[in-house]
Amino acid sequence: MSNPRILGAREIHLISLYSHWEFGMKPEEFYAKWDVSYEQIALICCRSDSTVRGWFKQGKFRRYPQPNDLRHLAFMDFLLEHFEEVPEQIWQLLCLTHSP
């Protein structure tokens, strides 16, 4: 096993910023903004179709998304809005290909 990298002040500051980041988008907002299905939202959030359908129900059977779900939707919204602005090198670092 290799030696782990030491965290400096910059990295500790970034961890603090990330841990307090209020980056999220409600499923209803994402659904209203983009022409997506519940199934596509389920794919984005790594949830089952029935879980996502539960987010849109009213009453006692309603389910609520977790903070991670809101973050997934906000990040997908960001990517959809800024896809062309992301440099190819970043896509490669993320192990994605930049193909429209």
PDB file of N, CA and C in Angstrom:
ATOM      1  N   MET A   1       0.851  -1.185   0.000  1.00  0.00           N
ATOM      2  CA  MET A   1       0.000   0.000   0.000  1.00  0.00           C
ATOM      3  C   MET A   1       0.887   1.236   0.000  1.00  0.00           C
ATOM      4  N   SER A   2       0.524   2.212  -0.820  1.00  0.00           N
ATOM      5  CA  SER A   2       1.316   3.436  -0.892  1.00  0.00           C
ATOM      6  C   SER A   2       0.996   4.358   0.282  1.00  0.00           C
ATOM      7  N   ASN A   3       1.884   5.284   0.499  1.00  0.00           N
ATOM      8  CA  ASN A   3       1.662   6.253   1.572  1.00  0.00           C
ATOM      9  C   ASN A   3       0.586   7.244   1.167  1.00  0.00           C
ATOM     10  N   PRO A   4      -0.368   7.490   2.045  1.00  0.00           N
ATOM     11  CA  PRO A   4      -1.420   8.460   1.711  1.00  0.00           C
ATOM     12  C   PRO A   4      -0.850   9.878   1.668  1.00  0.00           C
ATOM     13  N   ARG A   5      -1.489  10.698   0.869  1.00  0.00           N
ATOM     14  CA  ARG A   5      -1.059  12.095   0.749  1.00  0.00           C
ATOM     15  C   ARG A   5      -1.452  12.860   2.007  1.00  0.00           C
ATOM     16  N   ILE A   6      -0.569  13.701   2.443  1.00  0.00           N
ATOM     17  CA  ILE A   6      -0.809  14.525   3.629  1.00  0.00           C
ATOM     18  C   ILE A   6      -1.727  15.682   3.245  1.00  0.00           C
ATOM     19  N   LEU A   7      -2.678  15.960   4.112  1.00  0.00           N
ATOM     20  CA  LEU A   7      -3.589  17.077   3.881  1.00  0.00           C
ATOM     21  C   LEU A   7      -2.970  18.360   4.404  1.00  0.00           C
ATOM     22  N   GLY A   8      -2.911  19.346   3.530  1.00  0.00           N
ATOM     23  CA  GLY A   8      -2.439  20.663   3.937  1.00  0.00           C
ATOM     24  C   GLY A   8      -3.619  21.564   4.264  1.00  0.00           C
ATOM     25  N   ALA A   9      -3.315  22.809   4.539  1.00  0.00           N
ATOM     26  CA  ALA A   9      -4.368  23.778   4.891  1.00  0.00           C
ATOM     27  C   ALA A   9      -5.378  23.918   3.757  1.00  0.00           C
ATOM     28  N   ARG A  10      -4.909  23.918   2.510  1.00  0.00           N
ATOM     29  CA  ARG A  10      -5.804  24.042   1.365  1.00  0.00           C
ATOM     30  C   ARG A  10      -6.795  22.889   1.306  1.00  0.00           C
ATOM     31  N   GLU A  11      -6.294  21.671   1.466  1.00  0.00           N
ATOM     32  CA  GLU A  11      -7.154  20.487   1.398  1.00  0.00           C
ATOM     33  C   GLU A  11      -8.141  20.450   2.566  1.00  0.00           C
ATOM     34  N   ILE A  12      -7.687  20.827   3.740  1.00  0.00           N
ATOM     35  CA  ILE A  12      -8.579  20.864   4.908  1.00  0.00           C
ATOM     36  C   ILE A  12      -9.675  21.910   4.702  1.00  0.00           C
ATOM     37  N   HIS A  13      -9.294  23.048   4.119  1.00  0.00           N
ATOM     38  CA  HIS A  13     -10.285  24.090   3.814  1.00  0.00           C
ATOM     39  C   HIS A  13     -11.307  23.584   2.792  1.00  0.00           C
ATOM     40  N   LEU A  14     -10.849  22.880   1.749  1.00  0.00           N
ATOM     41  CA  LEU A  14     -11.757  22.330   0.745  1.00  0.00           C
ATOM     42  C   LEU A  14     -12.714  21.308   1.353  1.00  0.00           C
ATOM     43  N   ILE A  15     -12.213  20.474   2.241  1.00  0.00           N
ATOM     44  CA  ILE A  15     -13.081  19.498   2.918  1.00  0.00           C
ATOM     45  C   ILE A  15     -14.142  20.216   3.736  1.00  0.00           C
ATOM     46  N   SER A  16     -13.753  21.270   4.412  1.00  0.00           N
ATOM     47  CA  SER A  16     -14.713  22.047   5.204  1.00  0.00           C
ATOM     48  C   SER A  16     -15.767  22.684   4.309  1.00  0.00           C
ATOM     49  N   LEU A  17     -15.328  23.283   3.193  1.00  0.00           N
ATOM     50  CA  LEU A  17     -16.292  23.884   2.262  1.00  0.00           C
ATOM     51  C   LEU A  17     -17.262  22.838   1.731  1.00  0.00           C
ATOM     52  N   TYR A  18     -16.732  21.700   1.333  1.00  0.00           N
ATOM     53  CA  TYR A  18     -17.567  20.630   0.778  1.00  0.00           C
ATOM     54  C   TYR A  18     -18.566  20.107   1.804  1.00  0.00           C
ATOM     55  N   SER A  19     -18.119  19.937   3.035  1.00  0.00           N
ATOM     56  CA  SER A  19     -19.003  19.363   4.054  1.00  0.00           C
ATOM     57  C   SER A  19     -20.126  20.312   4.451  1.00  0.00           C
ATOM     58  N   HIS A  20     -19.971  21.597   4.176  1.00  0.00           N
ATOM     59  CA  HIS A  20     -21.016  22.577   4.492  1.00  0.00           C
ATOM     60  C   HIS A  20     -21.723  23.099   3.239  1.00  0.00           C
ATOM     61  N   TRP A  21     -21.473  22.457   2.115  1.00  0.00           N
ATOM     62  CA  TRP A  21     -22.009  22.878   0.823  1.00  0.00           C
ATOM     63  C   TRP A  21     -23.498  22.590   0.765  1.00  0.00           C
ATOM     64  N   GLU A  22     -24.280  23.599   0.533  1.00  0.00           N
ATOM     65  CA  GLU A  22     -25.725  23.432   0.413  1.00  0.00           C
ATOM     66  C   GLU A  22     -26.089  23.398  -1.063  1.00  0.00           C
ATOM     67  N   PHE A  23     -25.635  22.352  -1.729  1.00  0.00           N
ATOM     68  CA  PHE A  23     -25.826  22.192  -3.166  1.00  0.00           C
ATOM     69  C   PHE A  23     -26.886  21.121  -3.357  1.00  0.00           C
ATOM     70  N   GLY A  24     -28.056  21.511  -3.790  1.00  0.00           N
ATOM     71  CA  GLY A  24     -29.119  20.538  -3.969  1.00  0.00           C
ATOM     72  C   GLY A  24     -30.246  21.099  -4.815  1.00  0.00           C
ATOM     73  N   MET A  25     -30.996  20.169  -5.387  1.00  0.00           N
ATOM     74  CA  MET A  25     -32.159  20.549  -6.191  1.00  0.00           C
ATOM     75  C   MET A  25     -33.260  19.543  -5.898  1.00  0.00           C
ATOM     76  N   LYS A  26     -34.450  20.051  -5.604  1.00  0.00           N
ATOM     77  CA  LYS A  26     -35.577  19.174  -5.312  1.00  0.00           C
ATOM     78  C   LYS A  26     -36.022  18.444  -6.573  1.00  0.00           C
ATOM     79  N   PRO A  27     -36.493  17.205  -6.421  1.00  0.00           N
ATOM     80  CA  PRO A  27     -36.965  16.458  -7.585  1.00  0.00           C
ATOM     81  C   PRO A  27     -38.031  17.206  -8.383  1.00  0.00           C
ATOM     82  N   GLU A  28     -38.934  17.891  -7.692  1.00  0.00           N
ATOM     83  CA  GLU A  28     -39.986  18.635  -8.377  1.00  0.00           C
ATOM     84  C   GLU A  28     -39.405  19.753  -9.246  1.00  0.00           C
ATOM     85  N   GLU A  29     -38.358  20.402  -8.747  1.00  0.00           N
ATOM     86  CA  GLU A  29     -37.711  21.473  -9.514  1.00  0.00           C
ATOM     87  C   GLU A  29     -37.027  20.908 -10.759  1.00  0.00           C
ATOM     88  N   PHE A  30     -36.319  19.783 -10.579  1.00  0.00           N
ATOM     89  CA  PHE A  30     -35.617  19.161 -11.693  1.00  0.00           C
ATOM     90  C   PHE A  30     -36.616  18.687 -12.746  1.00  0.00           C
ATOM     91  N   TYR A  31     -37.689  18.063 -12.298  1.00  0.00           N
ATOM     92  CA  TYR A  31     -38.721  17.536 -13.189  1.00  0.00           C
ATOM     93  C   TYR A  31     -39.401  18.664 -13.972  1.00  0.00           C
ATOM     94  N   ALA A  32     -39.618  19.801 -13.305  1.00  0.00           N
ATOM     95  CA  ALA A  32     -40.259  20.944 -13.971  1.00  0.00           C
ATOM     96  C   ALA A  32     -39.313  21.616 -14.972  1.00  0.00           C
ATOM     97  N   LYS A  33     -38.022  21.551 -14.709  1.00  0.00           N
ATOM     98  CA  LYS A  33     -37.048  22.222 -15.565  1.00  0.00           C
ATOM     99  C   LYS A  33     -36.674  21.401 -16.793  1.00  0.00           C
ATOM    100  N   TRP A  34     -36.554  20.086 -16.628  1.00  0.00           N
ATOM    101  CA  TRP A  34     -36.086  19.212 -17.695  1.00  0.00           C
ATOM    102  C   TRP A  34     -37.175  18.225 -18.092  1.00  0.00           C
ATOM    103  N   ASP A  35     -37.228  17.868 -19.349  1.00  0.00           N
ATOM    104  CA  ASP A  35     -38.206  16.915 -19.866  1.00  0.00           C
ATOM    105  C   ASP A  35     -37.705  15.497 -19.600  1.00  0.00           C
ATOM    106  N   VAL A  36     -37.799  15.088 -18.340  1.00  0.00           N
ATOM    107  CA  VAL A  36     -37.309  13.773 -17.918  1.00  0.00           C
ATOM    108  C   VAL A  36     -38.454  12.954 -17.336  1.00  0.00           C
ATOM    109  N   SER A  37     -38.235  11.666 -17.299  1.00  0.00           N
ATOM    110  CA  SER A  37     -39.200  10.755 -16.678  1.00  0.00           C
ATOM    111  C   SER A  37     -38.751  10.443 -15.251  1.00  0.00           C
ATOM    112  N   TYR A  38     -39.641   9.869 -14.479  1.00  0.00           N
ATOM    113  CA  TYR A  38     -39.275   9.411 -13.143  1.00  0.00           C
ATOM    114  C   TYR A  38     -38.155   8.372 -13.233  1.00  0.00           C
ATOM    115  N   GLU A  39     -38.192   7.553 -14.283  1.00  0.00           N
ATOM    116  CA  GLU A  39     -37.172   6.522 -14.472  1.00  0.00           C
ATOM    117  C   GLU A  39     -35.797   7.150 -14.691  1.00  0.00           C
ATOM    118  N   GLN A  40     -35.752   8.243 -15.424  1.00  0.00           N
ATOM    119  CA  GLN A  40     -34.468   8.922 -15.645  1.00  0.00           C
ATOM    120  C   GLN A  40     -33.968   9.567 -14.358  1.00  0.00           C
ATOM    121  N   ILE A  41     -34.868  10.123 -13.577  1.00  0.00           N
ATOM    122  CA  ILE A  41     -34.477  10.671 -12.275  1.00  0.00           C
ATOM    123  C   ILE A  41     -33.950   9.546 -11.388  1.00  0.00           C
ATOM    124  N   ALA A  42     -34.583   8.386 -11.444  1.00  0.00           N
ATOM    125  CA  ALA A  42     -34.111   7.236 -10.673  1.00  0.00           C
ATOM    126  C   ALA A  42     -32.685   6.853 -11.086  1.00  0.00           C
ATOM    127  N   LEU A  43     -32.398   6.873 -12.383  1.00  0.00           N
ATOM    128  CA  LEU A  43     -31.040   6.575 -12.862  1.00  0.00           C
ATOM    129  C   LEU A  43     -30.033   7.593 -12.333  1.00  0.00           C
ATOM    130  N   ILE A  44     -30.387   8.855 -12.380  1.00  0.00           N
ATOM    131  CA  ILE A  44     -29.495   9.922 -11.923  1.00  0.00           C
ATOM    132  C   ILE A  44     -29.173   9.755 -10.435  1.00  0.00           C
ATOM    133  N   CYS A  45     -30.184   9.393  -9.658  1.00  0.00           N
ATOM    134  CA  CYS A  45     -30.024   9.313  -8.202  1.00  0.00           C
ATOM    135  C   CYS A  45     -29.672   7.912  -7.696  1.00  0.00           C
ATOM    136  N   CYS A  46     -29.547   6.954  -8.612  1.00  0.00           N
ATOM    137  CA  CYS A  46     -29.257   5.559  -8.218  1.00  0.00           C
ATOM    138  C   CYS A  46     -30.329   5.040  -7.250  1.00  0.00           C
ATOM    139  N   ARG A  47     -31.566   5.270  -7.602  1.00  0.00           N
ATOM    140  CA  ARG A  47     -32.718   4.837  -6.805  1.00  0.00           C
ATOM    141  C   ARG A  47     -33.638   4.003  -7.684  1.00  0.00           C
ATOM    142  N   SER A  48     -34.568   3.310  -7.037  1.00  0.00           N
ATOM    143  CA  SER A  48     -35.555   2.540  -7.786  1.00  0.00           C
ATOM    144  C   SER A  48     -36.631   3.476  -8.325  1.00  0.00           C
ATOM    145  N   ASP A  49     -37.304   3.017  -9.359  1.00  0.00           N
ATOM    146  CA  ASP A  49     -38.408   3.800  -9.922  1.00  0.00           C
ATOM    147  C   ASP A  49     -39.481   4.058  -8.875  1.00  0.00           C
ATOM    148  N   SER A  50     -39.766   3.060  -8.051  1.00  0.00           N
ATOM    149  CA  SER A  50     -40.825   3.218  -7.046  1.00  0.00           C
ATOM    150  C   SER A  50     -40.437   4.242  -5.980  1.00  0.00           C
ATOM    151  N   THR A  51     -39.163   4.304  -5.635  1.00  0.00           N
ATOM    152  CA  THR A  51     -38.714   5.318  -4.672  1.00  0.00           C
ATOM    153  C   THR A  51     -38.940   6.709  -5.226  1.00  0.00           C
ATOM    154  N   VAL A  52     -38.571   6.912  -6.481  1.00  0.00           N
ATOM    155  CA  VAL A  52     -38.746   8.231  -7.098  1.00  0.00           C
ATOM    156  C   VAL A  52     -40.228   8.559  -7.227  1.00  0.00           C
ATOM    157  N   ARG A  53     -41.043   7.604  -7.605  1.00  0.00           N
ATOM    158  CA  ARG A  53     -42.486   7.864  -7.671  1.00  0.00           C
ATOM    159  C   ARG A  53     -43.008   8.296  -6.303  1.00  0.00           C
ATOM    160  N   GLY A  54     -42.448   7.719  -5.249  1.00  0.00           N
ATOM    161  CA  GLY A  54     -42.853   8.080  -3.890  1.00  0.00           C
ATOM    162  C   GLY A  54     -42.534   9.523  -3.541  1.00  0.00           C
ATOM    163  N   TRP A  55     -41.490  10.092  -4.165  1.00  0.00           N
ATOM    164  CA  TRP A  55     -41.137  11.492  -3.918  1.00  0.00           C
ATOM    165  C   TRP A  55     -42.200  12.440  -4.451  1.00  0.00           C
ATOM    166  N   PHE A  56     -42.967  11.995  -5.426  1.00  0.00           N
ATOM    167  CA  PHE A  56     -43.963  12.854  -6.062  1.00  0.00           C
ATOM    168  C   PHE A  56     -45.384  12.604  -5.536  1.00  0.00           C
ATOM    169  N   LYS A  57     -45.524  11.640  -4.641  1.00  0.00           N
ATOM    170  CA  LYS A  57     -46.845  11.361  -4.061  1.00  0.00           C
ATOM    171  C   LYS A  57     -47.185  12.389  -2.997  1.00  0.00           C
ATOM    172  N   GLN A  58     -48.450  12.447  -2.693  1.00  0.00           N
ATOM    173  CA  GLN A  58     -48.936  13.285  -1.605  1.00  0.00           C
ATOM    174  C   GLN A  58     -49.522  12.367  -0.538  1.00  0.00           C
ATOM    175  N   GLY A  59     -49.584  12.835   0.682  1.00  0.00           N
ATOM    176  CA  GLY A  59     -50.217  12.061   1.735  1.00  0.00           C
ATOM    177  C   GLY A  59     -49.244  11.202   2.524  1.00  0.00           C
ATOM    178  N   LYS A  60     -49.822  10.216   3.224  1.00  0.00           N
ATOM    179  CA  LYS A  60     -49.008   9.441   4.166  1.00  0.00           C
ATOM    180  C   LYS A  60     -48.033   8.478   3.490  1.00  0.00           C
ATOM    181  N   PHE A  61     -48.200   8.193   2.210  1.00  0.00           N
ATOM    182  CA  PHE A  61     -47.290   7.274   1.525  1.00  0.00           C
ATOM    183  C   PHE A  61     -46.150   8.000   0.794  1.00  0.00           C
ATOM    184  N   ARG A  62     -46.087   9.304   0.990  1.00  0.00           N
ATOM    185  CA  ARG A  62     -45.036  10.079   0.342  1.00  0.00           C
ATOM    186  C   ARG A  62     -43.674   9.730   0.939  1.00  0.00           C
ATOM    187  N   ARG A  63     -42.672   9.673   0.073  1.00  0.00           N
ATOM    188  CA  ARG A  63     -41.284   9.478   0.499  1.00  0.00           C
ATOM    189  C   ARG A  63     -40.532  10.782   0.249  1.00  0.00           C
ATOM    190  N   TYR A  64     -39.435  10.935   0.939  1.00  0.00           N
ATOM    191  CA  TYR A  64     -38.641  12.148   0.792  1.00  0.00           C
ATOM    192  C   TYR A  64     -37.219  11.797   0.373  1.00  0.00           C
ATOM    193  N   PRO A  65     -36.674  12.555  -0.584  1.00  0.00           N
ATOM    194  CA  PRO A  65     -35.304  12.284  -1.027  1.00  0.00           C
ATOM    195  C   PRO A  65     -34.297  12.620   0.069  1.00  0.00           C
ATOM    196  N   GLN A  66     -33.182  11.933   0.022  1.00  0.00           N
ATOM    197  CA  GLN A  66     -32.085  12.181   0.945  1.00  0.00           C
ATOM    198  C   GLN A  66     -31.208  13.314   0.396  1.00  0.00           C
ATOM    199  N   PRO A  67     -30.382  13.925   1.251  1.00  0.00           N
ATOM    200  CA  PRO A  67     -29.490  14.990   0.770  1.00  0.00           C
ATOM    201  C   PRO A  67     -28.639  14.567  -0.433  1.00  0.00           C
ATOM    202  N   ASN A  68     -28.211  13.316  -0.470  1.00  0.00           N
ATOM    203  CA  ASN A  68     -27.426  12.837  -1.614  1.00  0.00           C
ATOM    204  C   ASN A  68     -28.237  12.874  -2.905  1.00  0.00           C
ATOM    205  N   ASP A  69     -29.528  12.578  -2.817  1.00  0.00           N
ATOM    206  CA  ASP A  69     -30.392  12.618  -3.998  1.00  0.00           C
ATOM    207  C   ASP A  69     -30.484  14.053  -4.530  1.00  0.00           C
ATOM    208  N   LEU A  70     -30.633  15.006  -3.616  1.00  0.00           N
ATOM    209  CA  LEU A  70     -30.720  16.416  -4.010  1.00  0.00           C
ATOM    210  C   LEU A  70     -29.413  16.873  -4.657  1.00  0.00           C
ATOM    211  N   ARG A  71     -28.301  16.370  -4.128  1.00  0.00           N
ATOM    212  CA  ARG A  71     -26.986  16.714  -4.682  1.00  0.00           C
ATOM    213  C   ARG A  71     -26.821  16.131  -6.085  1.00  0.00           C
ATOM    214  N   HIS A  72     -27.259  14.871  -6.264  1.00  0.00           N
ATOM    215  CA  HIS A  72     -27.192  14.257  -7.599  1.00  0.00           C
ATOM    216  C   HIS A  72     -27.981  15.076  -8.620  1.00  0.00           C
ATOM    217  N   LEU A  73     -29.172  15.497  -8.237  1.00  0.00           N
ATOM    218  CA  LEU A  73     -30.008  16.259  -9.165  1.00  0.00           C
ATOM    219  C   LEU A  73     -29.402  17.627  -9.468  1.00  0.00           C
ATOM    220  N   ALA A  74     -28.853  18.276  -8.455  1.00  0.00           N
ATOM    221  CA  ALA A  74     -28.221  19.581  -8.675  1.00  0.00           C
ATOM    222  C   ALA A  74     -26.995  19.443  -9.569  1.00  0.00           C
ATOM    223  N   PHE A  75     -26.218  18.397  -9.359  1.00  0.00           N
ATOM    224  CA  PHE A  75     -25.028  18.204 -10.180  1.00  0.00           C
ATOM    225  C   PHE A  75     -25.416  17.874 -11.624  1.00  0.00           C
ATOM    226  N   MET A  76     -26.451  17.047 -11.792  1.00  0.00           N
ATOM    227  CA  MET A  76     -26.913  16.734 -13.148  1.00  0.00           C
ATOM    228  C   MET A  76     -27.451  17.986 -13.820  1.00  0.00           C
ATOM    229  N   ASP A  77     -28.158  18.821 -13.086  1.00  0.00           N
ATOM    230  CA  ASP A  77     -28.650  20.091 -13.622  1.00  0.00           C
ATOM    231  C   ASP A  77     -27.468  20.956 -14.072  1.00  0.00           C
ATOM    232  N   PHE A  78     -26.432  21.019 -13.260  1.00  0.00           N
ATOM    233  CA  PHE A  78     -25.233  21.780 -13.602  1.00  0.00           C
ATOM    234  C   PHE A  78     -24.604  21.239 -14.885  1.00  0.00           C
ATOM    235  N   LEU A  79     -24.474  19.915 -14.972  1.00  0.00           N
ATOM    236  CA  LEU A  79     -23.883  19.321 -16.176  1.00  0.00           C
ATOM    237  C   LEU A  79     -24.729  19.598 -17.416  1.00  0.00           C
ATOM    238  N   LEU A  80     -26.036  19.484 -17.283  1.00  0.00           N
ATOM    239  CA  LEU A  80     -26.911  19.756 -18.419  1.00  0.00           C
ATOM    240  C   LEU A  80     -26.807  21.212 -18.868  1.00  0.00           C
ATOM    241  N   GLU A  81     -26.656  22.120 -17.928  1.00  0.00           N
ATOM    242  CA  GLU A  81     -26.549  23.552 -18.247  1.00  0.00           C
ATOM    243  C   GLU A  81     -25.180  23.922 -18.811  1.00  0.00           C
ATOM    244  N   HIS A  82     -24.114  23.245 -18.354  1.00  0.00           N
ATOM    245  CA  HIS A  82     -22.751  23.676 -18.662  1.00  0.00           C
ATOM    246  C   HIS A  82     -21.911  22.614 -19.359  1.00  0.00           C
ATOM    247  N   PHE A  83     -22.561  21.639 -19.953  1.00  0.00           N
ATOM    248  CA  PHE A  83     -21.880  20.506 -20.577  1.00  0.00           C
ATOM    249  C   PHE A  83     -20.770  20.940 -21.533  1.00  0.00           C
ATOM    250  N   GLU A  84     -21.072  21.859 -22.419  1.00  0.00           N
ATOM    251  CA  GLU A  84     -20.111  22.287 -23.451  1.00  0.00           C
ATOM    252  C   GLU A  84     -18.958  23.104 -22.881  1.00  0.00           C
ATOM    253  N   GLU A  85     -19.121  23.648 -21.692  1.00  0.00           N
ATOM    254  CA  GLU A  85     -18.076  24.482 -21.099  1.00  0.00           C
ATOM    255  C   GLU A  85     -17.018  23.661 -20.355  1.00  0.00           C
ATOM    256  N   VAL A  86     -17.315  22.407 -20.073  1.00  0.00           N
ATOM    257  CA  VAL A  86     -16.372  21.571 -19.322  1.00  0.00           C
ATOM    258  C   VAL A  86     -15.276  21.096 -20.264  1.00  0.00           C
ATOM    259  N   PRO A  87     -14.010  21.391 -19.940  1.00  0.00           N
ATOM    260  CA  PRO A  87     -12.911  20.981 -20.822  1.00  0.00           C
ATOM    261  C   PRO A  87     -12.804  19.461 -20.945  1.00  0.00           C
ATOM    262  N   GLU A  88     -12.361  19.022 -22.110  1.00  0.00           N
ATOM    263  CA  GLU A  88     -12.190  17.596 -22.389  1.00  0.00           C
ATOM    264  C   GLU A  88     -11.321  16.914 -21.331  1.00  0.00           C
ATOM    265  N   GLN A  89     -10.284  17.605 -20.875  1.00  0.00           N
ATOM    266  CA  GLN A  89      -9.382  17.034 -19.868  1.00  0.00           C
ATOM    267  C   GLN A  89     -10.134  16.679 -18.579  1.00  0.00           C
ATOM    268  N   ILE A  90     -11.089  17.493 -18.203  1.00  0.00           N
ATOM    269  CA  ILE A  90     -11.879  17.208 -16.992  1.00  0.00           C
ATOM    270  C   ILE A  90     -12.728  15.968 -17.219  1.00  0.00           C
ATOM    271  N   TRP A  91     -13.353  15.847 -18.388  1.00  0.00           N
ATOM    272  CA  TRP A  91     -14.144  14.650 -18.694  1.00  0.00           C
ATOM    273  C   TRP A  91     -13.269  13.407 -18.603  1.00  0.00           C
ATOM    274  N   GLN A  92     -12.039  13.501 -19.104  1.00  0.00           N
ATOM    275  CA  GLN A  92     -11.128  12.356 -19.061  1.00  0.00           C
ATOM    276  C   GLN A  92     -10.749  12.016 -17.623  1.00  0.00           C
ATOM    277  N   LEU A  93     -10.501  13.033 -16.800  1.00  0.00           N
ATOM    278  CA  LEU A  93     -10.193  12.785 -15.387  1.00  0.00           C
ATOM    279  C   LEU A  93     -11.359  12.105 -14.667  1.00  0.00           C
ATOM    280  N   LEU A  94     -12.560  12.440 -15.084  1.00  0.00           N
ATOM    281  CA  LEU A  94     -13.765  11.838 -14.492  1.00  0.00           C
ATOM    282  C   LEU A  94     -14.107  10.491 -15.137  1.00  0.00           C
ATOM    283  N   CYS A  95     -13.283  10.066 -16.079  1.00  0.00           N
ATOM    284  CA  CYS A  95     -13.480   8.807 -16.801  1.00  0.00           C
ATOM    285  C   CYS A  95     -14.754   8.819 -17.648  1.00  0.00           C
ATOM    286  N   LEU A  96     -15.068   9.969 -18.186  1.00  0.00           N
ATOM    287  CA  LEU A  96     -16.210  10.120 -19.074  1.00  0.00           C
ATOM    288  C   LEU A  96     -15.693  10.626 -20.413  1.00  0.00           C
ATOM    289  N   THR A  97     -16.429  10.374 -21.446  1.00  0.00           N
ATOM    290  CA  THR A  97     -16.051  10.937 -22.730  1.00  0.00           C
ATOM    291  C   THR A  97     -16.963  12.107 -23.027  1.00  0.00           C
ATOM    292  N   HIS A  98     -16.445  13.094 -23.659  1.00  0.00           N
ATOM    293  CA  HIS A  98     -17.209  14.305 -23.974  1.00  0.00           C
ATOM    294  C   HIS A  98     -17.768  14.164 -25.379  1.00  0.00           C
ATOM    295  N   SER A  99     -18.908  13.521 -25.460  1.00  0.00           N
ATOM    296  CA  SER A  99     -19.544  13.375 -26.771  1.00  0.00           C
ATOM    297  C   SER A  99     -21.002  13.790 -26.642  1.00  0.00           C
ATOM    298  N   PRO A 100     -21.383  14.823 -27.375  1.00  0.00           N
ATOM    299  CA  PRO A 100     -22.769  15.339 -27.274  1.00  0.00           C
ATOM    300  C   PRO A 100     -23.806  14.333 -27.677  1.00  0.00           C
TER     301      PRO A 100
END
